[in-house]
Amino acid sequence: MIVERRFINSQLRASAPLHFSSSPGTLTSYAATYNTLSSDLGGFKERIANGAFDRSIRNGDDVRCLINHSPDLIVGRTRNGTLRLASDAKGLRTECDLPNTQPARDLYALVQRGDISECSFGFTVNADSWSDEEDPDERGTPIKVRTLRDVRLVDCSYVTYPAYPGTSISATDGAPVRSHSFNEIFPAGVPAEVRSRVGDVRALLERTQDRRRRLVNSVLSI
């Protein structure tokens, strides 16, 4: 199965250590939220159904917690209890007791300052479904919607806000919203089922991001 990634502004919170006295602190966040429609991922949008992570949590899948998806910067793991996962009515909740390492201490300080506030999670899909719906961002325009119903969680990650090629910034309710690049969303390529539904995802995603850039530029020029 092909690993995919999704990003969320997660209300990341730093607190005193919960379980390990040697930890500089514990980070709490939602790595995913249920029943919220994503931005355009390249010809389709996506939502996560309630309980999509339940089997992965129940099976005790060995999930790592990373910084910027780097395996060299691991800060927690479900197998040893330093990373804890729970599914509630809102989504996938995570608690990570950070190790007493310099990268983890730096991460804790950056979260406290608000410099890092975004999470990402990597997953493979066990079961999904597709529907044609009206695009809430473009009334009267149909959009394909993929609903993730059962996924295997691979990792979760605290991520910064770098300027990757192919990304753009748009404004919704006065707050910046970032569109992540193709390589961030599909680091191992596009799953065959997605390709069969929407075709050339990369081209569609780049087209959407270009449209957003032009829209933002037109607003800023007023």
Protein backbone atom coordinates (compact mmCIF):
# COMPACT_ATOMS: atom_id res chain seq x y z
CA MET A 1 0.00 0.00 0.00
CA ILE A 2 1.16 3.55 -0.74
CA VAL A 3 1.75 5.95 2.16
CA GLU A 4 -0.03 9.31 1.96
CA ARG A 5 0.27 12.38 4.19
CA ARG A 6 -2.19 15.02 5.32
CA PHE A 7 -1.57 18.25 7.23
CA ILE A 8 -3.69 20.01 9.81
CA ASN A 9 -3.55 23.16 11.88
CA SER A 10 -3.86 21.16 15.04
CA GLN A 11 -4.08 23.50 18.03
CA LEU A 12 -0.79 22.01 19.18
CA ARG A 13 -0.28 22.52 22.91
CA ALA A 14 2.75 22.17 25.18
CA SER A 15 2.43 21.17 28.83
CA ALA A 16 4.46 19.80 31.72
CA PRO A 17 5.54 16.14 31.40
CA LEU A 18 2.67 13.73 31.98
CA HIS A 19 4.40 10.37 32.40
CA PHE A 20 8.19 10.69 32.16
CA SER A 21 10.03 12.94 34.63
CA SER A 22 13.05 13.23 32.31
CA SER A 23 10.89 14.64 29.48
CA PRO A 24 11.09 18.38 28.78
CA GLY A 25 7.33 18.32 28.28
CA THR A 26 4.30 16.74 26.61
CA LEU A 27 2.79 17.85 23.30
CA THR A 28 -0.93 17.37 22.77
CA SER A 29 -2.66 17.81 19.44
CA TYR A 30 -5.19 16.50 16.98
CA ALA A 31 -3.36 14.85 14.10
CA ALA A 32 -6.64 14.51 12.17
CA THR A 33 -10.21 15.76 12.51
CA TYR A 34 -13.32 13.89 11.43
CA ASN A 35 -15.95 14.98 8.91
CA THR A 36 -14.19 18.13 7.74
CA LEU A 37 -13.59 18.60 4.04
CA SER A 38 -10.00 19.11 2.94
CA SER A 39 -8.76 21.60 0.39
CA ASP A 40 -8.46 20.45 -3.23
CA LEU A 41 -5.89 17.64 -3.32
CA GLY A 42 -5.74 17.51 -7.11
CA GLY A 43 -9.20 17.01 -8.62
CA PHE A 44 -10.75 15.73 -5.40
CA LYS A 45 -11.32 16.62 -1.77
CA GLU A 46 -11.26 14.37 1.21
CA ARG A 47 -12.86 13.77 4.59
CA ILE A 48 -12.11 11.30 7.36
CA ALA A 49 -15.03 9.30 8.69
CA ASN A 50 -15.54 8.86 12.42
CA GLY A 51 -13.58 5.87 13.64
CA ALA A 52 -11.29 5.63 10.61
CA PHE A 53 -8.31 5.09 12.95
CA ASP A 54 -10.06 2.73 15.36
CA ARG A 55 -8.68 -0.51 13.96
CA SER A 56 -5.13 0.88 13.83
CA ILE A 57 -5.39 1.94 17.48
CA ARG A 58 -7.06 -1.31 18.54
CA ASN A 59 -4.40 -3.40 16.79
CA GLY A 60 -1.66 -1.47 18.54
CA ASP A 61 0.09 -0.48 15.31
CA ASP A 62 3.63 0.70 16.03
CA VAL A 63 3.34 4.40 15.20
CA ARG A 64 6.30 6.77 15.38
CA CYS A 65 6.15 10.47 16.17
CA LEU A 66 8.65 12.54 14.18
CA ILE A 67 9.79 16.08 13.49
CA ASN A 68 9.22 17.03 9.84
CA HIS A 69 8.75 13.35 8.94
CA SER A 70 12.46 12.70 9.51
CA PRO A 71 13.22 9.19 10.85
CA ASP A 72 16.38 10.69 12.37
CA LEU A 73 14.25 12.97 14.55
CA ILE A 74 11.99 10.57 16.38
CA VAL A 75 10.40 11.98 19.54
CA GLY A 76 7.87 9.31 20.49
CA ARG A 77 6.53 5.83 19.77
CA THR A 78 3.39 3.95 20.66
CA ARG A 79 5.26 0.72 21.38
CA ASN A 80 7.05 2.17 24.41
CA GLY A 81 4.15 4.37 25.55
CA THR A 82 5.81 7.72 24.84
CA LEU A 83 3.22 8.36 22.12
CA ARG A 84 -0.43 7.79 22.95
CA LEU A 85 -3.30 7.84 20.48
CA ALA A 86 -7.03 8.11 21.07
CA SER A 87 -10.03 8.58 18.81
CA ASP A 88 -12.83 10.81 20.11
CA ALA A 89 -15.75 12.70 18.58
CA LYS A 90 -13.42 15.35 17.13
CA GLY A 91 -10.69 13.20 15.63
CA LEU A 92 -7.37 11.52 16.30
CA ARG A 93 -5.88 12.91 19.52
CA THR A 94 -2.19 12.50 20.24
CA GLU A 95 -0.07 12.92 23.36
CA CYS A 96 3.70 12.70 23.07
CA ASP A 97 6.14 12.77 26.01
CA LEU A 98 9.24 14.26 24.41
CA PRO A 99 12.70 12.76 25.02
CA ASN A 100 15.38 14.77 26.79
CA THR A 101 17.28 15.48 23.56
CA GLN A 102 18.28 18.80 22.05
CA PRO A 103 15.93 18.55 19.02
CA ALA A 104 13.02 17.69 21.33
CA ARG A 105 13.84 20.54 23.73
CA ASP A 106 14.01 22.90 20.75
CA LEU A 107 10.69 21.59 19.46
CA TYR A 108 9.03 22.11 22.85
CA ALA A 109 10.26 25.72 22.96
CA LEU A 110 9.07 26.38 19.40
CA VAL A 111 5.60 25.02 20.16
CA GLN A 112 5.40 27.13 23.31
CA ARG A 113 6.25 30.24 21.28
CA GLY A 114 3.75 29.32 18.59
CA ASP A 115 6.40 29.00 15.87
CA ILE A 116 5.26 25.42 15.21
CA SER A 117 1.53 24.78 15.26
CA GLU A 118 0.91 22.26 12.51
CA CYS A 119 0.82 18.46 12.45
CA SER A 120 0.87 15.85 9.73
CA PHE A 121 0.09 12.16 9.68
CA GLY A 122 1.15 9.40 7.32
CA PHE A 123 -1.21 6.55 6.52
CA THR A 124 -2.21 3.79 4.14
CA VAL A 125 -5.82 3.15 3.18
CA ASN A 126 -7.68 -0.06 4.00
CA ALA A 127 -11.13 1.17 2.94
CA ASP A 128 -12.52 4.32 1.36
CA SER A 129 -15.50 5.46 -0.70
CA TRP A 130 -16.11 8.12 -3.36
CA SER A 131 -19.00 10.47 -4.05
CA ASP A 132 -19.82 13.44 -6.29
CA GLU A 133 -20.77 16.50 -4.25
CA GLU A 134 -21.14 20.23 -4.66
CA ASP A 135 -17.89 22.03 -3.94
CA PRO A 136 -18.57 24.29 -0.92
CA ASP A 137 -15.83 26.65 -2.10
CA GLU A 138 -17.32 26.99 -5.60
CA ARG A 139 -21.09 26.80 -5.44
CA GLY A 140 -22.65 24.94 -8.33
CA THR A 141 -19.38 23.17 -9.16
CA PRO A 142 -19.20 19.39 -8.62
CA ILE A 143 -16.19 17.87 -6.91
CA LYS A 144 -15.21 14.27 -6.25
CA VAL A 145 -15.01 13.53 -2.53
CA ARG A 146 -13.03 10.66 -1.09
CA THR A 147 -14.06 9.47 2.37
CA LEU A 148 -11.40 7.62 4.34
CA ARG A 149 -13.22 4.93 6.34
CA ASP A 150 -10.43 2.67 7.59
CA VAL A 151 -6.76 3.65 7.53
CA ARG A 152 -3.54 2.29 9.01
CA LEU A 153 -1.60 5.00 10.76
CA VAL A 154 2.12 4.95 9.95
CA ASP A 155 3.44 8.07 11.67
CA CYS A 156 2.51 11.48 12.95
CA SER A 157 4.79 14.46 12.74
CA TYR A 158 5.19 18.01 14.00
CA VAL A 159 5.95 20.14 10.98
CA THR A 160 7.21 23.66 10.35
CA TYR A 161 5.97 26.05 7.70
CA PRO A 162 8.65 25.95 4.98
CA ALA A 163 8.17 27.33 1.49
CA TYR A 164 8.07 24.15 -0.56
CA PRO A 165 7.86 24.45 -4.35
CA GLY A 166 4.28 24.36 -5.58
CA THR A 167 2.73 25.66 -2.37
CA SER A 168 0.61 28.73 -1.96
CA ILE A 169 -0.96 30.90 0.69
CA SER A 170 -4.59 31.89 0.62
CA ALA A 171 -6.77 33.66 3.19
CA THR A 172 -9.91 32.30 4.79
CA ASP A 173 -11.61 34.31 7.55
CA GLY A 174 -8.48 36.41 7.76
CA ALA A 175 -6.21 33.46 8.56
CA PRO A 176 -3.52 32.10 6.23
CA VAL A 177 -4.21 28.64 4.82
CA ARG A 178 -1.37 26.68 3.27
CA SER A 179 -1.69 24.34 0.31
CA HIS A 180 0.91 21.62 0.52
CA SER A 181 2.90 20.40 -2.44
CA PHE A 182 2.26 17.21 -4.38
CA ASN A 183 5.38 15.55 -2.95
CA GLU A 184 4.30 16.34 0.60
CA ILE A 185 0.80 14.90 0.15
CA PHE A 186 1.84 11.87 -1.91
CA PRO A 187 5.47 11.14 -0.88
CA ALA A 188 5.41 7.65 -2.42
CA GLY A 189 3.26 8.47 -5.46
CA VAL A 190 -0.47 8.47 -6.04
CA PRO A 191 -2.45 5.32 -5.12
CA ALA A 192 -3.89 3.52 -8.15
CA GLU A 193 -7.47 3.99 -6.96
CA VAL A 194 -7.01 7.77 -6.76
CA ARG A 195 -5.45 7.87 -10.25
CA SER A 196 -8.36 5.86 -11.65
CA ARG A 197 -10.86 8.33 -10.17
CA VAL A 198 -9.29 11.70 -10.99
CA GLY A 199 -6.47 11.12 -13.49
CA ASP A 200 -3.36 13.30 -13.38
CA VAL A 201 -3.41 14.42 -9.75
CA ARG A 202 -0.15 16.40 -9.96
CA ALA A 203 -1.36 18.55 -12.86
CA LEU A 204 -4.75 19.15 -11.23
CA LEU A 205 -3.17 20.08 -7.90
CA GLU A 206 -0.73 22.50 -9.53
CA ARG A 207 -3.60 24.07 -11.47
CA THR A 208 -5.61 24.55 -8.28
CA GLN A 209 -2.67 26.09 -6.44
CA ASP A 210 -1.94 28.42 -9.35
CA ARG A 211 -5.57 29.56 -9.26
CA ARG A 212 -5.28 30.24 -5.54
CA ARG A 213 -2.06 32.21 -6.01
CA ARG A 214 -3.72 34.39 -8.65
CA LEU A 215 -6.73 34.91 -6.38
CA VAL A 216 -4.56 35.93 -3.44
CA ASN A 217 -2.52 38.29 -5.61
CA SER A 218 -5.69 39.93 -6.92
CA VAL A 219 -6.96 40.45 -3.36
CA LEU A 220 -3.62 41.86 -2.17
CA SER A 221 -3.51 44.28 -5.09
CA ILE A 222 -6.85 45.88 -4.19
